[in-house]
Amino acid sequence: MRLDKFLKVSRIIKRRTLAKEISSEGRIEVNGRAAKASTGLAVGDTLVIRFGRSIVTYEILELNEKAKKEEAERMYKVLNEEKIEKESDF
């Protein structure tokens, strides 16, 4: 599954276009590498996303093409969430 679609279906990011923008800015890493919107994901992959002044690390638990709100929360697990003092180049 593509990164941008996973972020939308899992409801980590509400819109697919926004997911594309964030990934094109280099604010998303998959398994330690900068990721584009078209990056393919697999179960067990680790995502690191910089949202403003916080960095959140997720583990992908399942991939669903469509998911209801309750199911979306089971698609990933938050491994770490940290606040940063100032914005830096991620």
C-alpha atoms as a PDB file:
ATOM      1  CA  MET A   1       0.000   0.000   0.000  1.00  0.00           C
ATOM      2  CA  ARG A   2       1.217   3.498  -0.791  1.00  0.00           C
ATOM      3  CA  LEU A   3       2.302   5.725   2.094  1.00  0.00           C
ATOM      4  CA  ASP A   4      -0.155   8.533   1.297  1.00  0.00           C
ATOM      5  CA  LYS A   5      -3.096   6.117   1.094  1.00  0.00           C
ATOM      6  CA  PHE A   6      -2.135   4.400   4.369  1.00  0.00           C
ATOM      7  CA  LEU A   7      -1.953   7.750   6.182  1.00  0.00           C
ATOM      8  CA  LYS A   8      -5.438   8.678   4.942  1.00  0.00           C
ATOM      9  CA  VAL A   9      -7.112   5.297   5.542  1.00  0.00           C
ATOM     10  CA  SER A  10      -5.563   4.987   9.024  1.00  0.00           C
ATOM     11  CA  ARG A  11      -6.640   8.560   9.772  1.00  0.00           C
ATOM     12  CA  ILE A  12      -3.153   9.592  10.919  1.00  0.00           C
ATOM     13  CA  ILE A  13      -3.492  12.386   8.353  1.00  0.00           C
ATOM     14  CA  LYS A  14      -7.017  13.294   7.269  1.00  0.00           C
ATOM     15  CA  ARG A  15      -6.436  14.091   3.589  1.00  0.00           C
ATOM     16  CA  ARG A  16      -4.315  12.256   1.031  1.00  0.00           C
ATOM     17  CA  THR A  17      -3.162  15.517  -0.570  1.00  0.00           C
ATOM     18  CA  LEU A  18      -1.869  16.701   2.796  1.00  0.00           C
ATOM     19  CA  ALA A  19      -0.023  13.390   3.235  1.00  0.00           C
ATOM     20  CA  LYS A  20       1.614  13.966  -0.167  1.00  0.00           C
ATOM     21  CA  GLU A  21       2.673  17.496   0.813  1.00  0.00           C
ATOM     22  CA  ILE A  22       4.192  16.395   4.118  1.00  0.00           C
ATOM     23  CA  SER A  23       6.119  13.560   2.497  1.00  0.00           C
ATOM     24  CA  SER A  24       7.420  15.819  -0.282  1.00  0.00           C
ATOM     25  CA  GLU A  25       8.753  18.181   2.409  1.00  0.00           C
ATOM     26  CA  GLY A  26      10.848  15.310   3.809  1.00  0.00           C
ATOM     27  CA  ARG A  27       8.966  15.132   7.116  1.00  0.00           C
ATOM     28  CA  ILE A  28       8.262  11.375   6.920  1.00  0.00           C
ATOM     29  CA  GLU A  29      10.683   8.478   7.257  1.00  0.00           C
ATOM     30  CA  VAL A  30       9.934   4.810   6.657  1.00  0.00           C
ATOM     31  CA  ASN A  31      12.363   2.417   8.324  1.00  0.00           C
ATOM     32  CA  GLY A  32      14.923   5.214   8.739  1.00  0.00           C
ATOM     33  CA  ARG A  33      14.794   6.476   5.137  1.00  0.00           C
ATOM     34  CA  ALA A  34      13.108   9.585   3.768  1.00  0.00           C
ATOM     35  CA  ALA A  35       9.831   8.558   2.127  1.00  0.00           C
ATOM     36  CA  LYS A  36       7.817   9.820  -0.805  1.00  0.00           C
ATOM     37  CA  ALA A  37       4.041   9.566  -1.101  1.00  0.00           C
ATOM     38  CA  SER A  38       4.428   6.558  -3.408  1.00  0.00           C
ATOM     39  CA  THR A  39       6.646   4.588  -1.005  1.00  0.00           C
ATOM     40  CA  GLY A  40       5.286   1.066  -0.528  1.00  0.00           C
ATOM     41  CA  LEU A  41       4.528  -0.038   3.023  1.00  0.00           C
ATOM     42  CA  ALA A  42       4.415  -3.465   4.647  1.00  0.00           C
ATOM     43  CA  VAL A  43       3.264  -4.765   8.016  1.00  0.00           C
ATOM     44  CA  GLY A  44       6.015  -4.186  10.579  1.00  0.00           C
ATOM     45  CA  ASP A  45       7.403  -1.023   8.961  1.00  0.00           C
ATOM     46  CA  THR A  46       8.207   1.933  11.202  1.00  0.00           C
ATOM     47  CA  LEU A  47       7.018   5.462  10.325  1.00  0.00           C
ATOM     48  CA  VAL A  48       8.494   8.611  11.835  1.00  0.00           C
ATOM     49  CA  ILE A  49       6.461  11.750  11.139  1.00  0.00           C
ATOM     50  CA  ARG A  50       7.282  15.307  12.174  1.00  0.00           C
ATOM     51  CA  PHE A  51       4.114  17.271  12.972  1.00  0.00           C
ATOM     52  CA  GLY A  52       5.092  20.865  13.771  1.00  0.00           C
ATOM     53  CA  ARG A  53       6.796  20.631  17.169  1.00  0.00           C
ATOM     54  CA  SER A  54       6.391  16.918  17.768  1.00  0.00           C
ATOM     55  CA  ILE A  55       7.835  13.756  16.298  1.00  0.00           C
ATOM     56  CA  VAL A  56       5.681  10.639  16.377  1.00  0.00           C
ATOM     57  CA  THR A  57       6.898   7.099  15.668  1.00  0.00           C
ATOM     58  CA  TYR A  58       4.372   4.493  14.498  1.00  0.00           C
ATOM     59  CA  GLU A  59       4.553   0.767  13.788  1.00  0.00           C
ATOM     60  CA  ILE A  60       2.305  -0.561  11.030  1.00  0.00           C
ATOM     61  CA  LEU A  61       0.224  -3.467  12.318  1.00  0.00           C
ATOM     62  CA  GLU A  62      -2.081  -4.087   9.351  1.00  0.00           C
ATOM     63  CA  LEU A  63      -2.887  -2.725   5.912  1.00  0.00           C
ATOM     64  CA  ASN A  64      -6.534  -2.280   4.880  1.00  0.00           C
ATOM     65  CA  GLU A  65      -7.719  -0.639   1.680  1.00  0.00           C
ATOM     66  CA  LYS A  66     -10.791   0.665   3.498  1.00  0.00           C
ATOM     67  CA  ALA A  67     -11.307   0.993   7.217  1.00  0.00           C
ATOM     68  CA  LYS A  68     -14.003   2.312   9.483  1.00  0.00           C
ATOM     69  CA  LYS A  69     -12.970   4.672  12.251  1.00  0.00           C
ATOM     70  CA  GLU A  70     -12.766   1.883  14.841  1.00  0.00           C
ATOM     71  CA  GLU A  71     -10.723  -0.322  12.482  1.00  0.00           C
ATOM     72  CA  ALA A  72      -8.369   2.509  11.541  1.00  0.00           C
ATOM     73  CA  GLU A  73      -6.972   2.726  15.061  1.00  0.00           C
ATOM     74  CA  ARG A  74      -5.936  -0.948  14.893  1.00  0.00           C
ATOM     75  CA  MET A  75      -3.828  -0.385  11.761  1.00  0.00           C
ATOM     76  CA  TYR A  76      -0.932   1.141  13.707  1.00  0.00           C
ATOM     77  CA  LYS A  77       0.616   1.457  17.141  1.00  0.00           C
ATOM     78  CA  VAL A  78       2.264   4.615  18.480  1.00  0.00           C
ATOM     79  CA  LEU A  79       5.755   3.647  19.609  1.00  0.00           C
ATOM     80  CA  ASN A  80       7.035   7.056  20.680  1.00  0.00           C
ATOM     81  CA  GLU A  81       5.875  10.660  20.781  1.00  0.00           C
ATOM     82  CA  GLU A  82       8.285  13.440  21.626  1.00  0.00           C
ATOM     83  CA  LYS A  83       8.013  17.196  21.741  1.00  0.00           C
ATOM     84  CA  ILE A  84      10.842  19.276  20.344  1.00  0.00           C
ATOM     85  CA  GLU A  85      11.857  22.666  21.695  1.00  0.00           C
ATOM     86  CA  LYS A  86      12.472  24.310  18.346  1.00  0.00           C
ATOM     87  CA  GLU A  87      11.833  23.216  14.816  1.00  0.00           C
ATOM     88  CA  SER A  88      14.867  21.678  13.194  1.00  0.00           C
ATOM     89  CA  ASP A  89      15.650  20.147   9.847  1.00  0.00           C
ATOM     90  CA  PHE A  90      14.427  16.594  10.242  1.00  0.00           C
END
